[in-house]
Structures are given as C-alpha cells and as structure tokens.
C-alpha cells in the first residue's frame, strides 16, 4: 500500500520477500550455532544484489538468500521494521545533527567550522579506499539510532554494533544502505561497518 510504505529510489534496490523455508543453522567457531534471523512466514528486507540464486519451482519464482544478507524484518500488521545481523535502523534528526556540527565542527582557515569524515572500512586496501572516495555521488548522512541488530560473526568472533539506541551517528549513505518511508516517516537500514562516527551519544 503506497500510503503506508514507500521505497526510496537509488542504485541499491530494496528487495522484500516472504520467507518460505529456513535451512539448518551452521556450526560457527567455538561450536556455537549460527543465529538464524528469520522464520517461515516472516517478511525479510535486503538489498536486491544480495540474492544468491533465482530458481523456478512449480512454475513460481523462488529466491535463495543467505542468512547474513538479511538487513531487517518487516511486521505486516504494524509496519515496524526490526534490524537484524549487523544492521542499524536510523531516522533523520536534523536538529541534533545541526547542534552537533555547530558544537563540534573543526574551524577552517576562513573561520567556519567543518567536520572531517574518515572512512572506517578497515577491510580494504589503500587503492580500494581511494577508488571509493573518487566514486561520484559519495554522500554521508546523520541519523538517530532507532534500534540495533544483535551483530554478526566476523573472522571467528561475534561482533556487536558499536552504537546504541538514541545515539546520533554519521554514516556513508552512498551505497549498501536501505532507505525507506513508512507512514510518512523516513528510515534507513545501515550496515554497522559504514558508521564512521558516533556523533552524539544517547543522553
């Protein structure tokens, strides 16, 4: 229903699907079972380019999606979104963002205060970083954290989000985020590794 739910246009397309079946969880390092983030009957939200395979079964299209690719779960009755894995649900809060920049921005040669944003993606090389920085349309945004996913396994260990509910964060909004509007309110699902700064901690 467009009056309730609207997807933002962009190069990264949001894909919404009903979960039909879930595989058995894998055994993770240390003998722990992988946390399965969705159950049959739930509505999953993810980036379209994260679909692993498209298959046809009994004349109907089906999709195979990795557990780690799911960004959030949509409640069909309340239209609330719950982030999963390493995703964080944020909403705009211009008042807090302006207050932070006016308080913490660094003064330049002309006396105006500015922010310095450092890319925090430590898993890529210097060449890859420079390629990202040269990409047209690189943008960053502020958002107030509504809810955090529990985290994910990274290199054999469980990593939880660095931010918490009501923190104001500064994040790379140019790719791999999932912006959407529900009941007229804007929200974005943001991967934790694209949060560059906790600008203002929750009071």
C-alpha atoms as a PDB file:
ATOM      1  CA  UNK A   1       0.000   0.000   0.000  1.00  0.00           C
ATOM      2  CA  UNK A   2       1.799   3.164  -1.173  1.00  0.00           C
ATOM      3  CA  UNK A   3       0.065   5.234   1.519  1.00  0.00           C
ATOM      4  CA  UNK A   4       1.805   3.164   4.179  1.00  0.00           C
ATOM      5  CA  UNK A   5       5.014   2.015   2.594  1.00  0.00           C
ATOM      6  CA  UNK A   6       7.360   3.694   0.144  1.00  0.00           C
ATOM      7  CA  UNK A   7      10.776   2.622  -1.114  1.00  0.00           C
ATOM      8  CA  UNK A   8      13.442   5.186  -1.894  1.00  0.00           C
ATOM      9  CA  UNK A   9      14.838   5.298  -5.419  1.00  0.00           C
ATOM     10  CA  UNK A  10      18.536   4.589  -5.769  1.00  0.00           C
ATOM     11  CA  UNK A  11      21.183   2.368  -7.287  1.00  0.00           C
ATOM     12  CA  UNK A  12      20.862  -0.145  -4.413  1.00  0.00           C
ATOM     13  CA  UNK A  13      17.364  -1.610  -4.662  1.00  0.00           C
ATOM     14  CA  UNK A  14      15.481  -2.800  -1.618  1.00  0.00           C
ATOM     15  CA  UNK A  15      14.065  -6.326  -2.019  1.00  0.00           C
ATOM     16  CA  UNK A  16      11.185  -7.568   0.150  1.00  0.00           C
ATOM     17  CA  UNK A  17      10.163 -11.205   0.296  1.00  0.00           C
ATOM     18  CA  UNK A  18       8.255 -13.729   2.385  1.00  0.00           C
ATOM     19  CA  UNK A  19      10.418 -16.408   3.991  1.00  0.00           C
ATOM     20  CA  UNK A  20       9.174 -19.877   2.997  1.00  0.00           C
ATOM     21  CA  UNK A  21      11.862 -22.192   4.370  1.00  0.00           C
ATOM     22  CA  UNK A  22      14.959 -21.835   6.529  1.00  0.00           C
ATOM     23  CA  UNK A  23      17.939 -24.181   6.400  1.00  0.00           C
ATOM     24  CA  UNK A  24      19.540 -25.773   9.435  1.00  0.00           C
ATOM     25  CA  UNK A  25      21.977 -23.335  11.111  1.00  0.00           C
ATOM     26  CA  UNK A  26      25.685 -23.823  10.528  1.00  0.00           C
ATOM     27  CA  UNK A  27      28.109 -24.506  13.356  1.00  0.00           C
ATOM     28  CA  UNK A  28      30.230 -21.412  13.949  1.00  0.00           C
ATOM     29  CA  UNK A  29      33.710 -21.219  15.534  1.00  0.00           C
ATOM     30  CA  UNK A  30      33.692 -22.400  19.130  1.00  0.00           C
ATOM     31  CA  UNK A  31      30.835 -24.818  18.429  1.00  0.00           C
ATOM     32  CA  UNK A  32      28.072 -22.184  18.544  1.00  0.00           C
ATOM     33  CA  UNK A  33      25.165 -22.413  16.123  1.00  0.00           C
ATOM     34  CA  UNK A  34      24.625 -19.602  13.649  1.00  0.00           C
ATOM     35  CA  UNK A  35      21.808 -17.274  14.678  1.00  0.00           C
ATOM     36  CA  UNK A  36      19.011 -17.670  12.114  1.00  0.00           C
ATOM     37  CA  UNK A  37      17.440 -14.222  11.807  1.00  0.00           C
ATOM     38  CA  UNK A  38      14.167 -15.148  10.073  1.00  0.00           C
ATOM     39  CA  UNK A  39      11.464 -17.785  10.348  1.00  0.00           C
ATOM     40  CA  UNK A  40       8.971 -19.070   7.763  1.00  0.00           C
ATOM     41  CA  UNK A  41       6.131 -16.591   7.304  1.00  0.00           C
ATOM     42  CA  UNK A  42       8.202 -13.530   8.159  1.00  0.00           C
ATOM     43  CA  UNK A  43       8.885 -10.694   5.704  1.00  0.00           C
ATOM     44  CA  UNK A  44      12.589 -10.105   5.064  1.00  0.00           C
ATOM     45  CA  UNK A  45      14.218  -6.925   3.727  1.00  0.00           C
ATOM     46  CA  UNK A  46      17.566  -6.933   1.925  1.00  0.00           C
ATOM     47  CA  UNK A  47      19.486  -5.461  -0.976  1.00  0.00           C
ATOM     48  CA  UNK A  48      18.438  -6.954  -4.304  1.00  0.00           C
ATOM     49  CA  UNK A  49      22.078  -7.597  -5.245  1.00  0.00           C
ATOM     50  CA  UNK A  50      22.429  -9.837  -2.152  1.00  0.00           C
ATOM     51  CA  UNK A  51      20.172 -12.523  -3.672  1.00  0.00           C
ATOM     52  CA  UNK A  52      22.296 -15.642  -4.135  1.00  0.00           C
ATOM     53  CA  UNK A  53      20.190 -17.556  -6.684  1.00  0.00           C
ATOM     54  CA  UNK A  54      16.885 -17.223  -8.526  1.00  0.00           C
ATOM     55  CA  UNK A  55      15.117 -20.517  -9.239  1.00  0.00           C
ATOM     56  CA  UNK A  56      11.732 -21.612 -10.590  1.00  0.00           C
ATOM     57  CA  UNK A  57       9.777 -24.210  -8.603  1.00  0.00           C
ATOM     58  CA  UNK A  58       6.382 -25.482  -9.817  1.00  0.00           C
ATOM     59  CA  UNK A  59       6.216 -22.547 -12.205  1.00  0.00           C
ATOM     60  CA  UNK A  60       6.819 -19.957  -9.482  1.00  0.00           C
ATOM     61  CA  UNK A  61       9.931 -17.828  -8.916  1.00  0.00           C
ATOM     62  CA  UNK A  62      11.872 -18.524  -5.730  1.00  0.00           C
ATOM     63  CA  UNK A  63      14.981 -16.878  -4.313  1.00  0.00           C
ATOM     64  CA  UNK A  64      17.819 -18.326  -2.273  1.00  0.00           C
ATOM     65  CA  UNK A  65      19.137 -15.783   0.214  1.00  0.00           C
ATOM     66  CA  UNK A  66      21.972 -16.137   2.680  1.00  0.00           C
ATOM     67  CA  UNK A  67      21.070 -15.613   6.330  1.00  0.00           C
ATOM     68  CA  UNK A  68      23.760 -12.919   6.610  1.00  0.00           C
ATOM     69  CA  UNK A  69      22.265 -10.910   3.706  1.00  0.00           C
ATOM     70  CA  UNK A  70      19.020 -10.071   5.524  1.00  0.00           C
ATOM     71  CA  UNK A  71      19.004  -6.489   6.847  1.00  0.00           C
ATOM     72  CA  UNK A  72      15.640  -6.312   8.588  1.00  0.00           C
ATOM     73  CA  UNK A  73      12.270  -7.937   9.217  1.00  0.00           C
ATOM     74  CA  UNK A  74       9.016  -6.131   8.400  1.00  0.00           C
ATOM     75  CA  UNK A  75       5.942  -6.654  10.595  1.00  0.00           C
ATOM     76  CA  UNK A  76       2.966  -6.840   8.211  1.00  0.00           C
ATOM     77  CA  UNK A  77       0.474  -5.687  10.850  1.00  0.00           C
ATOM     78  CA  UNK A  78       2.292  -2.746  12.461  1.00  0.00           C
ATOM     79  CA  UNK A  79       4.704  -1.936   9.589  1.00  0.00           C
ATOM     80  CA  UNK A  80       7.528  -1.751  12.125  1.00  0.00           C
ATOM     81  CA  UNK A  81      10.983  -2.798  10.947  1.00  0.00           C
ATOM     82  CA  UNK A  82      13.401  -4.711  13.179  1.00  0.00           C
ATOM     83  CA  UNK A  83      17.061  -4.655  12.099  1.00  0.00           C
ATOM     84  CA  UNK A  84      18.957  -7.959  12.168  1.00  0.00           C
ATOM     85  CA  UNK A  85      22.565  -9.085  11.767  1.00  0.00           C
ATOM     86  CA  UNK A  86      24.932  -6.080  11.750  1.00  0.00           C
ATOM     87  CA  UNK A  87      22.354  -3.556  10.539  1.00  0.00           C
ATOM     88  CA  UNK A  88      21.186  -0.494  12.462  1.00  0.00           C
ATOM     89  CA  UNK A  89      17.841   1.249  11.908  1.00  0.00           C
ATOM     90  CA  UNK A  90      18.200   5.058  11.884  1.00  0.00           C
ATOM     91  CA  UNK A  91      15.901   8.027  11.269  1.00  0.00           C
ATOM     92  CA  UNK A  92      16.765  11.643  10.426  1.00  0.00           C
ATOM     93  CA  UNK A  93      17.169  14.110  13.294  1.00  0.00           C
ATOM     94  CA  UNK A  94      18.265  17.370  11.719  1.00  0.00           C
ATOM     95  CA  UNK A  95      18.063  19.303  14.986  1.00  0.00           C
ATOM     96  CA  UNK A  96      20.623  17.066  16.721  1.00  0.00           C
ATOM     97  CA  UNK A  97      22.852  16.968  13.629  1.00  0.00           C
ATOM     98  CA  UNK A  98      22.938  20.780  13.355  1.00  0.00           C
ATOM     99  CA  UNK A  99      23.570  21.096  17.091  1.00  0.00           C
ATOM    100  CA  UNK A 100      26.465  18.648  16.890  1.00  0.00           C
ATOM    101  CA  UNK A 101      28.113  20.308  13.893  1.00  0.00           C
ATOM    102  CA  UNK A 102      27.820  23.774  15.414  1.00  0.00           C
ATOM    103  CA  UNK A 103      29.313  22.487  18.669  1.00  0.00           C
ATOM    104  CA  UNK A 104      31.981  20.064  17.409  1.00  0.00           C
ATOM    105  CA  UNK A 105      32.838  21.136  13.858  1.00  0.00           C
ATOM    106  CA  UNK A 106      36.506  21.981  13.326  1.00  0.00           C
ATOM    107  CA  UNK A 107      37.290  25.611  12.352  1.00  0.00           C
ATOM    108  CA  UNK A 108      38.844  26.062   8.918  1.00  0.00           C
ATOM    109  CA  UNK A 109      41.095  28.861   7.632  1.00  0.00           C
ATOM    110  CA  UNK A 110      38.030  31.010   6.929  1.00  0.00           C
ATOM    111  CA  UNK A 111      36.765  30.586  10.497  1.00  0.00           C
ATOM    112  CA  UNK A 112      33.869  28.311   9.518  1.00  0.00           C
ATOM    113  CA  UNK A 113      33.502  25.059  11.386  1.00  0.00           C
ATOM    114  CA  UNK A 114      33.661  21.819   9.436  1.00  0.00           C
ATOM    115  CA  UNK A 115      33.534  18.091  10.077  1.00  0.00           C
ATOM    116  CA  UNK A 116      36.265  15.704   8.971  1.00  0.00           C
ATOM    117  CA  UNK A 117      34.980  12.266   7.958  1.00  0.00           C
ATOM    118  CA  UNK A 118      37.378   9.327   7.972  1.00  0.00           C
ATOM    119  CA  UNK A 119      36.347   6.130   6.201  1.00  0.00           C
ATOM    120  CA  UNK A 120      36.361   3.341   8.803  1.00  0.00           C
ATOM    121  CA  UNK A 121      36.294   0.356   6.423  1.00  0.00           C
ATOM    122  CA  UNK A 122      39.473  -1.357   7.636  1.00  0.00           C
ATOM    123  CA  UNK A 123      38.986  -4.427   5.464  1.00  0.00           C
ATOM    124  CA  UNK A 124      40.071  -2.797   2.199  1.00  0.00           C
ATOM    125  CA  UNK A 125      43.364  -1.677   0.741  1.00  0.00           C
ATOM    126  CA  UNK A 126      44.508   1.919   0.215  1.00  0.00           C
ATOM    127  CA  UNK A 127      43.777   1.585  -3.517  1.00  0.00           C
ATOM    128  CA  UNK A 128      40.239   0.403  -2.805  1.00  0.00           C
ATOM    129  CA  UNK A 129      39.737   3.267  -0.367  1.00  0.00           C
ATOM    130  CA  UNK A 130      40.858   5.819  -2.946  1.00  0.00           C
ATOM    131  CA  UNK A 131      38.549   4.235  -5.523  1.00  0.00           C
ATOM    132  CA  UNK A 132      35.598   4.621  -3.136  1.00  0.00           C
ATOM    133  CA  UNK A 133      36.478   8.224  -2.386  1.00  0.00           C
ATOM    134  CA  UNK A 134      36.665   9.064  -6.112  1.00  0.00           C
ATOM    135  CA  UNK A 135      33.311   7.435  -6.874  1.00  0.00           C
ATOM    136  CA  UNK A 136      30.722  10.031  -7.927  1.00  0.00           C
ATOM    137  CA  UNK A 137      27.830  10.505  -5.582  1.00  0.00           C
ATOM    138  CA  UNK A 138      29.693   9.715  -2.364  1.00  0.00           C
ATOM    139  CA  UNK A 139      27.465  11.046   0.402  1.00  0.00           C
ATOM    140  CA  UNK A 140      27.309  10.854   4.171  1.00  0.00           C
ATOM    141  CA  UNK A 141      24.351  11.433   6.479  1.00  0.00           C
ATOM    142  CA  UNK A 142      23.422  11.745  10.118  1.00  0.00           C
ATOM    143  CA  UNK A 143      20.824   9.505  11.694  1.00  0.00           C
ATOM    144  CA  UNK A 144      19.412   8.830  15.132  1.00  0.00           C
ATOM    145  CA  UNK A 145      19.514   5.143  16.051  1.00  0.00           C
ATOM    146  CA  UNK A 146      16.045   3.627  16.488  1.00  0.00           C
ATOM    147  CA  UNK A 147      17.205   0.055  17.048  1.00  0.00           C
ATOM    148  CA  UNK A 148      20.337  -2.067  16.558  1.00  0.00           C
ATOM    149  CA  UNK A 149      20.639  -5.581  15.217  1.00  0.00           C
ATOM    150  CA  UNK A 150      22.425  -8.060  17.518  1.00  0.00           C
ATOM    151  CA  UNK A 151      25.644  -8.264  15.436  1.00  0.00           C
ATOM    152  CA  UNK A 152      27.366 -10.909  13.318  1.00  0.00           C
ATOM    153  CA  UNK A 153      30.299 -13.302  13.137  1.00  0.00           C
ATOM    154  CA  UNK A 154      33.480 -11.695  11.796  1.00  0.00           C
ATOM    155  CA  UNK A 155      36.714 -13.658  11.461  1.00  0.00           C
ATOM    156  CA  UNK A 156      35.695 -16.221  14.040  1.00  0.00           C
ATOM    157  CA  UNK A 157      34.299 -13.861  16.671  1.00  0.00           C
ATOM    158  CA  UNK A 158      30.942 -12.296  17.443  1.00  0.00           C
ATOM    159  CA  UNK A 159      30.921  -8.521  16.894  1.00  0.00           C
ATOM    160  CA  UNK A 160      28.128  -6.342  18.265  1.00  0.00           C
ATOM    161  CA  UNK A 161      27.244  -2.858  16.958  1.00  0.00           C
ATOM    162  CA  UNK A 162      29.329  -0.056  18.449  1.00  0.00           C
ATOM    163  CA  UNK A 163      26.324   2.264  18.735  1.00  0.00           C
ATOM    164  CA  UNK A 164      23.153   2.024  20.812  1.00  0.00           C
ATOM    165  CA  UNK A 165      19.564   3.244  20.712  1.00  0.00           C
ATOM    166  CA  UNK A 166      19.171   7.057  20.505  1.00  0.00           C
ATOM    167  CA  UNK A 167      22.834   7.672  19.529  1.00  0.00           C
ATOM    168  CA  UNK A 168      23.340  10.152  16.695  1.00  0.00           C
ATOM    169  CA  UNK A 169      25.586   8.508  14.074  1.00  0.00           C
ATOM    170  CA  UNK A 170      27.340   9.735  10.933  1.00  0.00           C
ATOM    171  CA  UNK A 171      27.387   7.135   8.135  1.00  0.00           C
ATOM    172  CA  UNK A 172      28.286   6.503   4.494  1.00  0.00           C
ATOM    173  CA  UNK A 173      24.935   6.752   2.694  1.00  0.00           C
ATOM    174  CA  UNK A 174      26.222   6.347  -0.868  1.00  0.00           C
ATOM    175  CA  UNK A 175      25.838   2.549  -1.156  1.00  0.00           C
ATOM    176  CA  UNK A 176      24.569  -0.607   0.597  1.00  0.00           C
ATOM    177  CA  UNK A 177      22.062   1.265   2.768  1.00  0.00           C
ATOM    178  CA  UNK A 178      18.309   0.627   2.609  1.00  0.00           C
ATOM    179  CA  UNK A 179      16.294   3.876   2.786  1.00  0.00           C
ATOM    180  CA  UNK A 180      12.510   3.628   3.003  1.00  0.00           C
ATOM    181  CA  UNK A 181       9.471   5.529   4.278  1.00  0.00           C
ATOM    182  CA  UNK A 182       6.747   4.037   6.464  1.00  0.00           C
ATOM    183  CA  UNK A 183       3.600   6.037   7.265  1.00  0.00           C
ATOM    184  CA  UNK A 184       5.345   9.205   6.124  1.00  0.00           C
ATOM    185  CA  UNK A 185       8.425   8.702   8.336  1.00  0.00           C
ATOM    186  CA  UNK A 186      11.847   8.226   6.768  1.00  0.00           C
ATOM    187  CA  UNK A 187      14.155   5.458   7.970  1.00  0.00           C
ATOM    188  CA  UNK A 188      17.339   3.776   6.753  1.00  0.00           C
ATOM    189  CA  UNK A 189      18.885   0.376   7.473  1.00  0.00           C
ATOM    190  CA  UNK A 190      22.651   0.962   7.719  1.00  0.00           C
ATOM    191  CA  UNK A 191      25.416  -1.687   7.939  1.00  0.00           C
ATOM    192  CA  UNK A 192      27.491  -1.131  11.084  1.00  0.00           C
ATOM    193  CA  UNK A 193      30.751  -1.034   9.120  1.00  0.00           C
ATOM    194  CA  UNK A 194      29.503   2.085   7.307  1.00  0.00           C
ATOM    195  CA  UNK A 195      29.055   4.059  10.519  1.00  0.00           C
ATOM    196  CA  UNK A 196      32.046   6.363  10.647  1.00  0.00           C
ATOM    197  CA  UNK A 197      31.288   8.275  13.822  1.00  0.00           C
ATOM    198  CA  UNK A 198      29.082   8.204  16.898  1.00  0.00           C
ATOM    199  CA  UNK A 199      28.478  11.940  16.782  1.00  0.00           C
ATOM    200  CA  UNK A 200      26.341  12.313  19.884  1.00  0.00           C
ATOM    201  CA  UNK A 201      25.749   9.587  22.438  1.00  0.00           C
ATOM    202  CA  UNK A 202      22.277   8.950  23.798  1.00  0.00           C
ATOM    203  CA  UNK A 203      21.547  11.062  26.894  1.00  0.00           C
END
